[in-house]
Amino acid sequence: MLIVVVGCGRVGARLATRLADEGHDVVVVDQDAAAFANLGATFNGLTVAGTGIDQDVLKKAGIERADAFAAVTSNDSVNCMAAQVAQEIFGVPRVVARVNEPRYESVLEGTGILAVCPAELGVAALKGMLLAEGVQVRQALGAGEVLLADLVLDEQWKGRPVTELEIPGKLKVCAVIREGRARVAEPDLLGQPGDVVVVSVRLDAFEFLDLKRGGDRL
C-alpha cells in the first residue's frame, strides 16, 4: 500500500516507521523539515516538506496514487482539513485523522473519515486495566471502537468453555494462549487457570470485563 502520513512528531514518526518496516510504501509530510529526524536512520520511505493541507505538497507526496492517508499532526484543525482534502479532492479510499480534543470528532462525523482520539483510547484502556484484574490491552482496532485485549483466567474458569466469555455484539473470544502456544477458540475448548484468552471487546464494555470474568453478564 502507498500511505501518506501528515505529521512527523512522535505519533507520526512511529506510525510511519512501523508501516515502512511492514513493507508499505510510506511518504511523510511535515512543514518542519527538521522533524524528519524523528524517523531515524533506518526509515526507507520518502519525506516531503510542506503543509498537509497544501494540494501541491500532497501531490508531491503522491496522494493521487495513495491507498490510505493519515493526518496526525498536533493540530486538530489541520488534521481535519487535511483529511477532508485527501478524501473529497483526491478520493483517497481510506482516511484517518488524529484528534486531540474529542469535540473535533463531531466535525468528521458522517464523512466516512475515521477519527482517532489517543487521549480517549488511553483513558479507556487505563480505566479498564485498573478496574478489571488480569486484563491487558493489546491494540485498538479501527478508530478505537473495539479493543483487542488479553484476559488471564483464574481458578473459577477451570473446566469451563472459554466461549462462555462471549457476549453477542460486545465481546468475542479470538484465541487462547496456553503454555506459549496459541490456538483458535473452539466451542469445546475448556479453560485452565493461567490461560491467556485474546478477546475483541467493544470500547464501552471494556471496563466491565472483570465482572464478566467472574461469571456475571455485562
N, C-alpha and C. Protein backbone atom coordinates (compact mmCIF):
# COMPACT_ATOMS: atom_id res chain seq x y z
N MET A 1 0.83 -1.20 0.00
CA MET A 1 0.00 0.00 0.00
C MET A 1 0.86 1.25 0.00
N LEU A 2 0.42 2.27 -0.70
CA LEU A 2 1.05 3.59 -0.62
C LEU A 2 0.28 4.40 0.42
N ILE A 3 0.97 4.81 1.45
CA ILE A 3 0.32 5.51 2.56
C ILE A 3 1.01 6.85 2.78
N VAL A 4 0.22 7.91 2.82
CA VAL A 4 0.73 9.26 3.09
C VAL A 4 0.42 9.60 4.55
N VAL A 5 1.45 9.99 5.28
CA VAL A 5 1.30 10.37 6.68
C VAL A 5 1.65 11.84 6.83
N VAL A 6 0.70 12.64 7.29
CA VAL A 6 0.94 14.06 7.51
C VAL A 6 1.21 14.28 9.00
N GLY A 7 2.39 14.78 9.30
CA GLY A 7 2.79 14.99 10.69
C GLY A 7 3.91 14.04 11.06
N CYS A 8 5.03 14.59 11.51
CA CYS A 8 6.18 13.75 11.83
C CYS A 8 6.65 13.99 13.27
N GLY A 9 5.69 14.17 14.16
CA GLY A 9 6.03 14.22 15.58
C GLY A 9 6.22 12.80 16.08
N ARG A 10 6.04 12.61 17.39
CA ARG A 10 6.25 11.27 17.94
C ARG A 10 5.27 10.25 17.38
N VAL A 11 4.00 10.64 17.27
CA VAL A 11 2.99 9.71 16.77
C VAL A 11 3.21 9.43 15.29
N GLY A 12 3.36 10.48 14.50
CA GLY A 12 3.54 10.31 13.06
C GLY A 12 4.79 9.52 12.72
N ALA A 13 5.88 9.81 13.40
CA ALA A 13 7.14 9.12 13.12
C ALA A 13 7.03 7.64 13.46
N ARG A 14 6.43 7.32 14.59
CA ARG A 14 6.29 5.91 14.96
C ARG A 14 5.36 5.18 14.01
N LEU A 15 4.27 5.83 13.62
CA LEU A 15 3.34 5.23 12.68
C LEU A 15 4.03 4.98 11.34
N ALA A 16 4.74 5.97 10.84
CA ALA A 16 5.40 5.85 9.53
C ALA A 16 6.47 4.77 9.54
N THR A 17 7.29 4.75 10.57
CA THR A 17 8.37 3.75 10.60
C THR A 17 7.81 2.34 10.73
N ARG A 18 6.75 2.19 11.52
CA ARG A 18 6.17 0.86 11.67
C ARG A 18 5.56 0.38 10.36
N LEU A 19 4.85 1.26 9.67
CA LEU A 19 4.27 0.90 8.38
C LEU A 19 5.36 0.55 7.36
N ALA A 20 6.42 1.35 7.34
CA ALA A 20 7.52 1.10 6.41
C ALA A 20 8.21 -0.23 6.73
N ASP A 21 8.39 -0.50 8.00
CA ASP A 21 9.02 -1.77 8.41
C ASP A 21 8.19 -2.97 7.98
N GLU A 22 6.88 -2.76 7.86
CA GLU A 22 5.99 -3.85 7.45
C GLU A 22 5.88 -3.98 5.94
N GLY A 23 6.65 -3.15 5.22
CA GLY A 23 6.71 -3.29 3.77
C GLY A 23 5.86 -2.34 2.96
N HIS A 24 5.18 -1.40 3.60
CA HIS A 24 4.36 -0.44 2.87
C HIS A 24 5.22 0.69 2.32
N ASP A 25 4.75 1.29 1.25
CA ASP A 25 5.39 2.49 0.70
C ASP A 25 4.84 3.69 1.46
N VAL A 26 5.70 4.39 2.17
CA VAL A 26 5.25 5.46 3.06
C VAL A 26 5.90 6.78 2.67
N VAL A 27 5.06 7.82 2.61
CA VAL A 27 5.55 9.18 2.37
C VAL A 27 5.10 10.04 3.55
N VAL A 28 6.03 10.73 4.17
CA VAL A 28 5.73 11.55 5.33
C VAL A 28 5.81 13.02 4.97
N VAL A 29 4.80 13.78 5.36
CA VAL A 29 4.73 15.21 5.09
C VAL A 29 4.78 15.97 6.41
N ASP A 30 5.62 16.97 6.49
CA ASP A 30 5.66 17.84 7.67
C ASP A 30 6.18 19.20 7.24
N GLN A 31 5.60 20.26 7.83
CA GLN A 31 6.02 21.61 7.46
C GLN A 31 7.41 21.95 7.99
N ASP A 32 7.88 21.21 8.97
CA ASP A 32 9.20 21.43 9.53
C ASP A 32 10.12 20.29 9.10
N ALA A 33 11.02 20.56 8.19
CA ALA A 33 11.90 19.51 7.67
C ALA A 33 12.75 18.88 8.76
N ALA A 34 13.03 19.62 9.82
CA ALA A 34 13.83 19.08 10.91
C ALA A 34 13.13 17.93 11.62
N ALA A 35 11.80 17.90 11.51
CA ALA A 35 11.04 16.85 12.19
C ALA A 35 11.32 15.47 11.60
N PHE A 36 11.82 15.42 10.38
CA PHE A 36 12.07 14.12 9.76
C PHE A 36 13.17 13.35 10.48
N ALA A 37 13.94 14.03 11.32
CA ALA A 37 14.96 13.35 12.11
C ALA A 37 14.32 12.34 13.06
N ASN A 38 13.02 12.55 13.38
CA ASN A 38 12.32 11.62 14.27
C ASN A 38 12.15 10.24 13.65
N LEU A 39 12.30 10.17 12.34
CA LEU A 39 12.09 8.89 11.65
C LEU A 39 13.24 7.92 11.85
N GLY A 40 14.40 8.44 12.17
CA GLY A 40 15.55 7.57 12.37
C GLY A 40 16.26 7.23 11.08
N ALA A 41 17.46 6.72 11.22
CA ALA A 41 18.32 6.47 10.05
C ALA A 41 17.85 5.29 9.21
N THR A 42 17.06 4.40 9.78
CA THR A 42 16.67 3.19 9.04
C THR A 42 15.38 3.36 8.25
N PHE A 43 14.71 4.50 8.39
CA PHE A 43 13.46 4.72 7.66
C PHE A 43 13.72 4.69 6.16
N ASN A 44 12.99 3.87 5.43
CA ASN A 44 13.22 3.71 3.99
C ASN A 44 12.12 4.31 3.13
N GLY A 45 11.29 5.17 3.74
CA GLY A 45 10.25 5.85 2.97
C GLY A 45 10.74 7.18 2.44
N LEU A 46 9.79 7.99 1.99
CA LEU A 46 10.11 9.31 1.43
C LEU A 46 9.57 10.40 2.34
N THR A 47 10.13 11.59 2.24
CA THR A 47 9.68 12.73 3.02
C THR A 47 9.44 13.92 2.10
N VAL A 48 8.45 14.73 2.44
CA VAL A 48 8.12 15.94 1.69
C VAL A 48 7.89 17.06 2.69
N ALA A 49 8.61 18.15 2.55
CA ALA A 49 8.44 19.30 3.44
C ALA A 49 7.32 20.19 2.93
N GLY A 50 6.39 20.54 3.82
CA GLY A 50 5.28 21.39 3.44
C GLY A 50 4.08 21.13 4.32
N THR A 51 3.04 21.91 4.16
CA THR A 51 1.85 21.74 4.99
C THR A 51 0.92 20.68 4.40
N GLY A 52 0.26 19.97 5.28
CA GLY A 52 -0.57 18.85 4.85
C GLY A 52 -1.90 19.25 4.24
N ILE A 53 -2.19 20.54 4.19
CA ILE A 53 -3.44 20.98 3.55
C ILE A 53 -3.16 21.64 2.20
N ASP A 54 -1.89 21.70 1.81
CA ASP A 54 -1.50 22.28 0.53
C ASP A 54 -1.60 21.20 -0.55
N GLN A 55 -2.46 21.41 -1.53
CA GLN A 55 -2.68 20.38 -2.54
C GLN A 55 -1.42 20.08 -3.35
N ASP A 56 -0.62 21.09 -3.64
CA ASP A 56 0.61 20.86 -4.40
C ASP A 56 1.59 20.01 -3.59
N VAL A 57 1.66 20.27 -2.30
CA VAL A 57 2.53 19.47 -1.43
C VAL A 57 2.05 18.03 -1.40
N LEU A 58 0.75 17.85 -1.28
CA LEU A 58 0.19 16.50 -1.24
C LEU A 58 0.41 15.77 -2.56
N LYS A 59 0.35 16.48 -3.66
CA LYS A 59 0.62 15.85 -4.96
C LYS A 59 2.06 15.38 -5.03
N LYS A 60 2.98 16.16 -4.49
CA LYS A 60 4.39 15.75 -4.44
C LYS A 60 4.55 14.47 -3.62
N ALA A 61 3.69 14.33 -2.63
CA ALA A 61 3.73 13.15 -1.77
C ALA A 61 3.09 11.93 -2.42
N GLY A 62 2.49 12.13 -3.60
CA GLY A 62 1.87 11.02 -4.31
C GLY A 62 0.46 10.69 -3.89
N ILE A 63 -0.24 11.68 -3.35
CA ILE A 63 -1.58 11.42 -2.82
C ILE A 63 -2.55 10.94 -3.89
N GLU A 64 -2.30 11.30 -5.14
CA GLU A 64 -3.20 10.88 -6.21
C GLU A 64 -3.14 9.37 -6.44
N ARG A 65 -2.10 8.73 -5.92
CA ARG A 65 -1.96 7.28 -6.05
C ARG A 65 -2.11 6.59 -4.70
N ALA A 66 -2.36 7.35 -3.66
CA ALA A 66 -2.36 6.80 -2.31
C ALA A 66 -3.53 5.85 -2.05
N ASP A 67 -3.25 4.79 -1.31
CA ASP A 67 -4.29 3.85 -0.88
C ASP A 67 -4.86 4.26 0.48
N ALA A 68 -4.06 5.00 1.24
CA ALA A 68 -4.51 5.40 2.58
C ALA A 68 -3.80 6.69 2.98
N PHE A 69 -4.42 7.40 3.92
CA PHE A 69 -3.92 8.71 4.33
C PHE A 69 -4.17 8.88 5.82
N ALA A 70 -3.16 9.38 6.54
CA ALA A 70 -3.31 9.64 7.97
C ALA A 70 -2.83 11.04 8.29
N ALA A 71 -3.67 11.83 8.95
CA ALA A 71 -3.30 13.17 9.39
C ALA A 71 -3.12 13.12 10.89
N VAL A 72 -1.86 13.24 11.35
CA VAL A 72 -1.56 13.00 12.77
C VAL A 72 -0.69 14.11 13.36
N THR A 73 -0.89 15.34 12.91
CA THR A 73 -0.15 16.45 13.50
C THR A 73 -0.70 16.74 14.89
N SER A 74 -0.11 17.69 15.58
CA SER A 74 -0.60 18.07 16.91
C SER A 74 -1.74 19.09 16.85
N ASN A 75 -2.13 19.47 15.63
CA ASN A 75 -3.17 20.48 15.42
C ASN A 75 -4.43 19.82 14.88
N ASP A 76 -5.49 19.81 15.68
CA ASP A 76 -6.73 19.15 15.28
C ASP A 76 -7.34 19.76 14.02
N SER A 77 -7.32 21.08 13.92
CA SER A 77 -7.90 21.74 12.75
C SER A 77 -7.17 21.33 11.48
N VAL A 78 -5.85 21.29 11.54
CA VAL A 78 -5.06 20.88 10.37
C VAL A 78 -5.38 19.43 10.00
N ASN A 79 -5.47 18.58 11.00
CA ASN A 79 -5.76 17.16 10.72
C ASN A 79 -7.12 17.00 10.06
N CYS A 80 -8.13 17.69 10.56
CA CYS A 80 -9.47 17.60 9.97
C CYS A 80 -9.48 18.12 8.54
N MET A 81 -8.83 19.25 8.33
CA MET A 81 -8.80 19.84 6.99
C MET A 81 -8.02 18.96 6.02
N ALA A 82 -6.87 18.46 6.46
CA ALA A 82 -6.05 17.61 5.60
C ALA A 82 -6.80 16.33 5.23
N ALA A 83 -7.48 15.76 6.20
CA ALA A 83 -8.23 14.54 5.95
C ALA A 83 -9.36 14.79 4.94
N GLN A 84 -10.03 15.93 5.06
CA GLN A 84 -11.11 16.24 4.13
C GLN A 84 -10.57 16.50 2.72
N VAL A 85 -9.43 17.14 2.63
CA VAL A 85 -8.80 17.34 1.31
C VAL A 85 -8.46 15.99 0.69
N ALA A 86 -7.88 15.11 1.48
CA ALA A 86 -7.49 13.79 0.97
C ALA A 86 -8.70 13.01 0.47
N GLN A 87 -9.79 13.09 1.21
CA GLN A 87 -10.97 12.32 0.83
C GLN A 87 -11.77 12.99 -0.28
N GLU A 88 -12.08 14.26 -0.12
CA GLU A 88 -13.01 14.92 -1.03
C GLU A 88 -12.37 15.35 -2.34
N ILE A 89 -11.12 15.78 -2.30
CA ILE A 89 -10.47 16.28 -3.53
C ILE A 89 -9.70 15.18 -4.24
N PHE A 90 -9.00 14.34 -3.47
CA PHE A 90 -8.17 13.33 -4.10
C PHE A 90 -8.76 11.92 -4.06
N GLY A 91 -9.85 11.76 -3.35
CA GLY A 91 -10.54 10.47 -3.35
C GLY A 91 -9.76 9.32 -2.75
N VAL A 92 -8.93 9.61 -1.76
CA VAL A 92 -8.20 8.53 -1.10
C VAL A 92 -9.22 7.61 -0.41
N PRO A 93 -9.14 6.31 -0.65
CA PRO A 93 -10.19 5.41 -0.14
C PRO A 93 -10.23 5.23 1.37
N ARG A 94 -9.09 5.38 2.04
CA ARG A 94 -9.06 5.16 3.49
C ARG A 94 -8.35 6.33 4.15
N VAL A 95 -9.09 7.08 4.97
CA VAL A 95 -8.54 8.30 5.58
C VAL A 95 -8.78 8.28 7.08
N VAL A 96 -7.73 8.57 7.83
CA VAL A 96 -7.81 8.60 9.29
C VAL A 96 -7.23 9.92 9.79
N ALA A 97 -7.88 10.52 10.78
CA ALA A 97 -7.40 11.77 11.36
C ALA A 97 -7.26 11.62 12.87
N ARG A 98 -6.14 12.08 13.40
CA ARG A 98 -5.94 12.13 14.84
C ARG A 98 -6.57 13.41 15.38
N VAL A 99 -7.34 13.27 16.45
CA VAL A 99 -7.90 14.45 17.10
C VAL A 99 -7.55 14.38 18.58
N ASN A 100 -7.03 15.47 19.10
CA ASN A 100 -6.64 15.51 20.50
C ASN A 100 -7.80 15.88 21.40
N GLU A 101 -8.74 16.64 20.86
CA GLU A 101 -9.94 17.03 21.60
C GLU A 101 -11.13 16.26 21.05
N PRO A 102 -11.84 15.50 21.90
CA PRO A 102 -12.97 14.70 21.42
C PRO A 102 -14.01 15.49 20.65
N ARG A 103 -14.15 16.79 20.94
CA ARG A 103 -15.17 17.59 20.27
C ARG A 103 -14.93 17.67 18.76
N TYR A 104 -13.69 17.47 18.33
CA TYR A 104 -13.40 17.52 16.91
C TYR A 104 -13.90 16.28 16.17
N GLU A 105 -14.22 15.22 16.91
CA GLU A 105 -14.76 14.03 16.28
C GLU A 105 -16.08 14.34 15.57
N SER A 106 -16.85 15.28 16.16
CA SER A 106 -18.14 15.63 15.55
C SER A 106 -17.96 16.34 14.22
N VAL A 107 -16.81 16.99 14.03
CA VAL A 107 -16.54 17.67 12.75
C VAL A 107 -16.48 16.66 11.61
N LEU A 108 -15.97 15.48 11.90
CA LEU A 108 -15.80 14.45 10.87
C LEU A 108 -16.93 13.43 10.85
N GLU A 109 -17.86 13.57 11.77
CA GLU A 109 -18.97 12.61 11.85
C GLU A 109 -19.77 12.60 10.56
N GLY A 110 -20.01 11.42 10.04
CA GLY A 110 -20.80 11.27 8.82
C GLY A 110 -20.02 11.45 7.54
N THR A 111 -18.73 11.76 7.63
CA THR A 111 -17.92 11.96 6.41
C THR A 111 -17.29 10.68 5.90
N GLY A 112 -17.22 9.68 6.74
CA GLY A 112 -16.52 8.46 6.37
C GLY A 112 -15.06 8.48 6.77
N ILE A 113 -14.61 9.62 7.28
CA ILE A 113 -13.25 9.73 7.78
C ILE A 113 -13.21 9.20 9.21
N LEU A 114 -12.24 8.34 9.49
CA LEU A 114 -12.11 7.79 10.83
C LEU A 114 -11.36 8.78 11.72
N ALA A 115 -11.92 9.08 12.87
CA ALA A 115 -11.28 9.99 13.82
C ALA A 115 -10.79 9.19 15.01
N VAL A 116 -9.53 9.36 15.35
CA VAL A 116 -8.92 8.64 16.47
C VAL A 116 -8.47 9.65 17.51
N CYS A 117 -8.96 9.48 18.73
CA CYS A 117 -8.57 10.36 19.84
C CYS A 117 -7.70 9.56 20.80
N PRO A 118 -6.38 9.70 20.70
CA PRO A 118 -5.48 8.91 21.56
C PRO A 118 -5.76 9.09 23.05
N ALA A 119 -6.14 10.29 23.45
CA ALA A 119 -6.40 10.52 24.87
C ALA A 119 -7.57 9.68 25.35
N GLU A 120 -8.64 9.62 24.55
CA GLU A 120 -9.81 8.84 24.94
C GLU A 120 -9.49 7.35 24.96
N LEU A 121 -8.72 6.90 23.97
CA LEU A 121 -8.34 5.49 23.93
C LEU A 121 -7.48 5.14 25.14
N GLY A 122 -6.55 6.03 25.45
CA GLY A 122 -5.68 5.79 26.58
C GLY A 122 -6.44 5.73 27.89
N VAL A 123 -7.36 6.67 28.07
CA VAL A 123 -8.16 6.69 29.29
C VAL A 123 -9.00 5.42 29.41
N ALA A 124 -9.61 5.01 28.30
CA ALA A 124 -10.45 3.81 28.33
C ALA A 124 -9.63 2.58 28.68
N ALA A 125 -8.44 2.47 28.08
CA ALA A 125 -7.59 1.32 28.35
C ALA A 125 -7.10 1.32 29.80
N LEU A 126 -6.66 2.47 30.28
CA LEU A 126 -6.18 2.57 31.65
C LEU A 126 -7.29 2.28 32.66
N LYS A 127 -8.46 2.84 32.39
CA LYS A 127 -9.59 2.63 33.29
C LYS A 127 -9.95 1.15 33.35
N GLY A 128 -9.98 0.52 32.17
CA GLY A 128 -10.32 -0.89 32.12
C GLY A 128 -9.31 -1.74 32.87
N MET A 129 -8.02 -1.45 32.69
CA MET A 129 -6.99 -2.25 33.36
C MET A 129 -6.97 -2.00 34.86
N LEU A 130 -7.37 -0.79 35.28
CA LEU A 130 -7.45 -0.51 36.72
C LEU A 130 -8.60 -1.26 37.38
N LEU A 131 -9.72 -1.33 36.65
CA LEU A 131 -10.92 -1.91 37.24
C LEU A 131 -11.06 -3.40 36.98
N ALA A 132 -10.39 -3.91 35.97
CA ALA A 132 -10.54 -5.31 35.59
C ALA A 132 -9.22 -6.03 35.80
N GLU A 133 -9.15 -6.83 36.85
CA GLU A 133 -7.92 -7.54 37.19
C GLU A 133 -7.58 -8.56 36.11
N GLY A 134 -6.31 -8.64 35.76
CA GLY A 134 -5.86 -9.63 34.80
C GLY A 134 -6.13 -9.29 33.35
N VAL A 135 -6.34 -8.01 33.05
CA VAL A 135 -6.64 -7.58 31.69
C VAL A 135 -5.49 -6.72 31.16
N GLN A 136 -5.08 -7.01 29.93
CA GLN A 136 -4.02 -6.22 29.29
C GLN A 136 -4.46 -5.88 27.87
N VAL A 137 -4.45 -4.60 27.52
CA VAL A 137 -4.84 -4.17 26.17
C VAL A 137 -3.70 -4.45 25.20
N ARG A 138 -4.03 -5.09 24.09
CA ARG A 138 -3.05 -5.35 23.04
C ARG A 138 -3.05 -4.24 21.99
N GLN A 139 -4.25 -3.87 21.52
CA GLN A 139 -4.35 -2.98 20.37
C GLN A 139 -5.74 -2.39 20.27
N ALA A 140 -5.83 -1.18 19.74
CA ALA A 140 -7.11 -0.57 19.39
C ALA A 140 -7.36 -0.82 17.92
N LEU A 141 -8.58 -1.21 17.58
CA LEU A 141 -8.92 -1.52 16.20
C LEU A 141 -9.79 -0.42 15.61
N GLY A 142 -9.63 -0.23 14.28
CA GLY A 142 -10.40 0.81 13.61
C GLY A 142 -10.09 2.17 14.19
N ALA A 143 -11.12 2.88 14.57
CA ALA A 143 -10.94 4.19 15.21
C ALA A 143 -11.02 4.07 16.73
N GLY A 144 -10.81 2.87 17.23
CA GLY A 144 -10.80 2.67 18.67
C GLY A 144 -12.11 2.18 19.24
N GLU A 145 -13.08 1.87 18.35
CA GLU A 145 -14.36 1.39 18.85
C GLU A 145 -14.24 0.01 19.50
N VAL A 146 -13.25 -0.76 19.04
CA VAL A 146 -13.04 -2.11 19.55
C VAL A 146 -11.60 -2.25 20.01
N LEU A 147 -11.41 -2.90 21.15
CA LEU A 147 -10.08 -3.15 21.67
C LEU A 147 -9.78 -4.64 21.62
N LEU A 148 -8.53 -4.96 21.34
CA LEU A 148 -8.05 -6.33 21.42
C LEU A 148 -7.32 -6.45 22.75
N ALA A 149 -7.74 -7.39 23.58
CA ALA A 149 -7.20 -7.47 24.94
C ALA A 149 -6.94 -8.91 25.35
N ASP A 150 -6.05 -9.06 26.32
CA ASP A 150 -5.75 -10.37 26.92
C ASP A 150 -6.43 -10.48 28.27
N LEU A 151 -7.09 -11.60 28.51
CA LEU A 151 -7.65 -11.90 29.81
C LEU A 151 -6.94 -13.12 30.37
N VAL A 152 -6.43 -13.04 31.58
CA VAL A 152 -5.78 -14.18 32.22
C VAL A 152 -6.81 -14.89 33.10
N LEU A 153 -7.09 -16.13 32.78
CA LEU A 153 -8.11 -16.88 33.51
C LEU A 153 -7.61 -17.33 34.88
N ASP A 154 -8.51 -17.33 35.86
CA ASP A 154 -8.17 -17.81 37.20
C ASP A 154 -8.87 -19.15 37.46
N GLU A 155 -8.84 -19.59 38.71
CA GLU A 155 -9.33 -20.92 39.06
C GLU A 155 -10.80 -21.15 38.71
N GLN A 156 -11.61 -20.09 38.78
CA GLN A 156 -13.04 -20.27 38.56
C GLN A 156 -13.37 -20.65 37.12
N TRP A 157 -12.37 -20.51 36.20
CA TRP A 157 -12.62 -20.87 34.80
C TRP A 157 -12.10 -22.26 34.47
N LYS A 158 -11.59 -22.99 35.45
CA LYS A 158 -11.09 -24.34 35.19
C LYS A 158 -12.24 -25.25 34.74
N GLY A 159 -12.08 -25.84 33.55
CA GLY A 159 -13.07 -26.76 33.02
C GLY A 159 -14.29 -26.13 32.39
N ARG A 160 -14.31 -24.82 32.31
CA ARG A 160 -15.45 -24.13 31.68
C ARG A 160 -15.09 -23.74 30.25
N PRO A 161 -16.02 -23.84 29.31
CA PRO A 161 -15.73 -23.43 27.94
C PRO A 161 -15.36 -21.95 27.89
N VAL A 162 -14.26 -21.64 27.25
CA VAL A 162 -13.82 -20.24 27.20
C VAL A 162 -14.81 -19.38 26.42
N THR A 163 -15.60 -20.01 25.55
CA THR A 163 -16.57 -19.24 24.78
C THR A 163 -17.71 -18.72 25.64
N GLU A 164 -17.78 -19.16 26.92
CA GLU A 164 -18.78 -18.58 27.81
C GLU A 164 -18.52 -17.10 28.07
N LEU A 165 -17.32 -16.66 27.77
CA LEU A 165 -16.98 -15.25 27.91
C LEU A 165 -17.74 -14.38 26.90
N GLU A 166 -18.13 -14.98 25.79
CA GLU A 166 -18.65 -14.19 24.68
C GLU A 166 -20.03 -13.58 24.97
N ILE A 167 -20.21 -12.38 24.46
CA ILE A 167 -21.50 -11.70 24.52
C ILE A 167 -21.74 -11.11 23.13
N PRO A 168 -22.79 -11.53 22.44
CA PRO A 168 -23.03 -11.05 21.07
C PRO A 168 -23.01 -9.53 20.98
N GLY A 169 -22.24 -9.05 20.04
CA GLY A 169 -22.17 -7.61 19.81
C GLY A 169 -21.27 -6.86 20.75
N LYS A 170 -20.74 -7.53 21.80
CA LYS A 170 -19.90 -6.83 22.77
C LYS A 170 -18.53 -7.46 22.94
N LEU A 171 -18.48 -8.78 23.00
CA LEU A 171 -17.21 -9.45 23.27
C LEU A 171 -17.13 -10.75 22.49
N LYS A 172 -15.98 -10.97 21.85
CA LYS A 172 -15.75 -12.18 21.06
C LYS A 172 -14.39 -12.76 21.43
N VAL A 173 -14.36 -14.05 21.72
CA VAL A 173 -13.10 -14.74 22.01
C VAL A 173 -12.42 -15.07 20.68
N CYS A 174 -11.18 -14.64 20.55
CA CYS A 174 -10.44 -14.85 19.30
C CYS A 174 -9.51 -16.06 19.37
N ALA A 175 -8.78 -16.16 20.48
CA ALA A 175 -7.79 -17.23 20.60
C ALA A 175 -7.46 -17.46 22.07
N VAL A 176 -6.81 -18.58 22.32
CA VAL A 176 -6.33 -18.91 23.66
C VAL A 176 -4.85 -19.25 23.58
N ILE A 177 -4.07 -18.64 24.47
CA ILE A 177 -2.64 -18.93 24.53
C ILE A 177 -2.39 -19.74 25.80
N ARG A 178 -1.89 -20.96 25.62
CA ARG A 178 -1.63 -21.86 26.74
C ARG A 178 -0.21 -22.40 26.64
N GLU A 179 0.57 -22.16 27.68
CA GLU A 179 1.96 -22.62 27.70
C GLU A 179 2.72 -22.14 26.47
N GLY A 180 2.44 -20.90 26.08
CA GLY A 180 3.17 -20.28 25.00
C GLY A 180 2.69 -20.61 23.60
N ARG A 181 1.69 -21.46 23.48
CA ARG A 181 1.16 -21.85 22.16
C ARG A 181 -0.27 -21.33 22.02
N ALA A 182 -0.56 -20.76 20.85
CA ALA A 182 -1.89 -20.18 20.60
C ALA A 182 -2.75 -21.14 19.81
N ARG A 183 -4.05 -21.10 20.10
CA ARG A 183 -4.99 -21.91 19.34
C ARG A 183 -6.29 -21.12 19.18
N VAL A 184 -6.99 -21.40 18.10
CA VAL A 184 -8.29 -20.76 17.87
C VAL A 184 -9.28 -21.31 18.91
N ALA A 185 -10.10 -20.45 19.44
CA ALA A 185 -11.05 -20.86 20.48
C ALA A 185 -12.24 -21.58 19.87
N GLU A 186 -12.30 -22.89 20.07
CA GLU A 186 -13.44 -23.68 19.62
C GLU A 186 -14.45 -23.78 20.76
N PRO A 187 -15.72 -24.06 20.44
CA PRO A 187 -16.76 -24.12 21.48
C PRO A 187 -16.46 -25.13 22.59
N ASP A 188 -15.71 -26.20 22.26
CA ASP A 188 -15.44 -27.23 23.27
C ASP A 188 -14.10 -27.06 23.97
N LEU A 189 -13.42 -25.93 23.75
CA LEU A 189 -12.14 -25.69 24.41
C LEU A 189 -12.38 -25.24 25.85
N LEU A 190 -11.92 -26.03 26.80
CA LEU A 190 -12.14 -25.73 28.21
C LEU A 190 -10.97 -24.94 28.78
N GLY A 191 -11.30 -23.97 29.63
CA GLY A 191 -10.28 -23.11 30.20
C GLY A 191 -9.45 -23.79 31.26
N GLN A 192 -8.25 -23.28 31.44
CA GLN A 192 -7.37 -23.70 32.51
C GLN A 192 -6.82 -22.45 33.20
N PRO A 193 -6.61 -22.51 34.52
CA PRO A 193 -6.01 -21.35 35.19
C PRO A 193 -4.69 -20.96 34.54
N GLY A 194 -4.52 -19.68 34.27
CA GLY A 194 -3.31 -19.20 33.62
C GLY A 194 -3.44 -19.05 32.12
N ASP A 195 -4.52 -19.57 31.54
CA ASP A 195 -4.75 -19.37 30.10
C ASP A 195 -4.86 -17.88 29.81
N VAL A 196 -4.28 -17.45 28.71
CA VAL A 196 -4.45 -16.08 28.23
C VAL A 196 -5.46 -16.12 27.09
N VAL A 197 -6.61 -15.54 27.33
CA VAL A 197 -7.67 -15.51 26.32
C VAL A 197 -7.63 -14.16 25.61
N VAL A 198 -7.44 -14.20 24.30
CA VAL A 198 -7.40 -12.98 23.50
C VAL A 198 -8.81 -12.70 23.01
N VAL A 199 -9.33 -11.53 23.38
CA VAL A 199 -10.71 -11.18 23.03
C VAL A 199 -10.75 -9.84 22.29
N SER A 200 -11.76 -9.69 21.46
CA SER A 200 -12.09 -8.38 20.93
C SER A 200 -13.30 -7.90 21.70
N VAL A 201 -13.22 -6.67 22.22
CA VAL A 201 -14.29 -6.18 23.10
C VAL A 201 -14.63 -4.74 22.73
N ARG A 202 -15.89 -4.46 22.72
CA ARG A 202 -16.34 -3.11 22.41
C ARG A 202 -15.87 -2.14 23.50
N LEU A 203 -15.46 -0.96 23.08
CA LEU A 203 -14.86 0.00 24.00
C LEU A 203 -15.76 0.30 25.19
N ASP A 204 -17.05 0.46 24.95
CA ASP A 204 -17.94 0.83 26.04
C ASP A 204 -18.25 -0.34 26.98
N ALA A 205 -17.78 -1.54 26.64
CA ALA A 205 -17.97 -2.69 27.52
C ALA A 205 -16.68 -3.09 28.22
N PHE A 206 -15.58 -2.46 27.88
CA PHE A 206 -14.27 -2.89 28.35
C PHE A 206 -14.13 -2.85 29.86
N GLU A 207 -14.64 -1.80 30.49
CA GLU A 207 -14.43 -1.65 31.93
C GLU A 207 -15.18 -2.69 32.75
N PHE A 208 -16.09 -3.44 32.11
CA PHE A 208 -16.86 -4.44 32.84
C PHE A 208 -16.30 -5.85 32.67
N LEU A 209 -15.13 -5.96 32.06
CA LEU A 209 -14.56 -7.28 31.82
C LEU A 209 -14.36 -8.06 33.11
N ASP A 210 -14.02 -7.39 34.18
CA ASP A 210 -13.78 -8.08 35.44
C ASP A 210 -15.07 -8.76 35.93
N LEU A 211 -16.19 -8.08 35.79
CA LEU A 211 -17.48 -8.68 36.17
C LEU A 211 -17.79 -9.87 35.30
N LYS A 212 -17.52 -9.73 34.01
CA LYS A 212 -17.82 -10.81 33.10
C LYS A 212 -16.99 -12.04 33.43
N ARG A 213 -15.73 -11.84 33.71
CA ARG A 213 -14.85 -12.94 34.02
C ARG A 213 -15.28 -13.64 35.30
N GLY A 214 -15.98 -12.92 36.14
CA GLY A 214 -16.48 -13.54 37.35
C GLY A 214 -17.76 -14.32 37.13
N GLY A 215 -18.28 -14.29 35.90
CA GLY A 215 -19.44 -15.08 35.58
C GLY A 215 -20.72 -14.27 35.44
N ASP A 216 -20.66 -12.98 35.73
CA ASP A 216 -21.84 -12.13 35.56
C ASP A 216 -22.00 -11.73 34.11
N ARG A 217 -23.18 -11.30 33.75
CA ARG A 217 -23.43 -10.83 32.38
C ARG A 217 -23.18 -9.33 32.34
N LEU A 218 -22.67 -8.87 31.19
CA LEU A 218 -22.47 -7.43 31.01
C LEU A 218 -23.82 -6.74 30.83
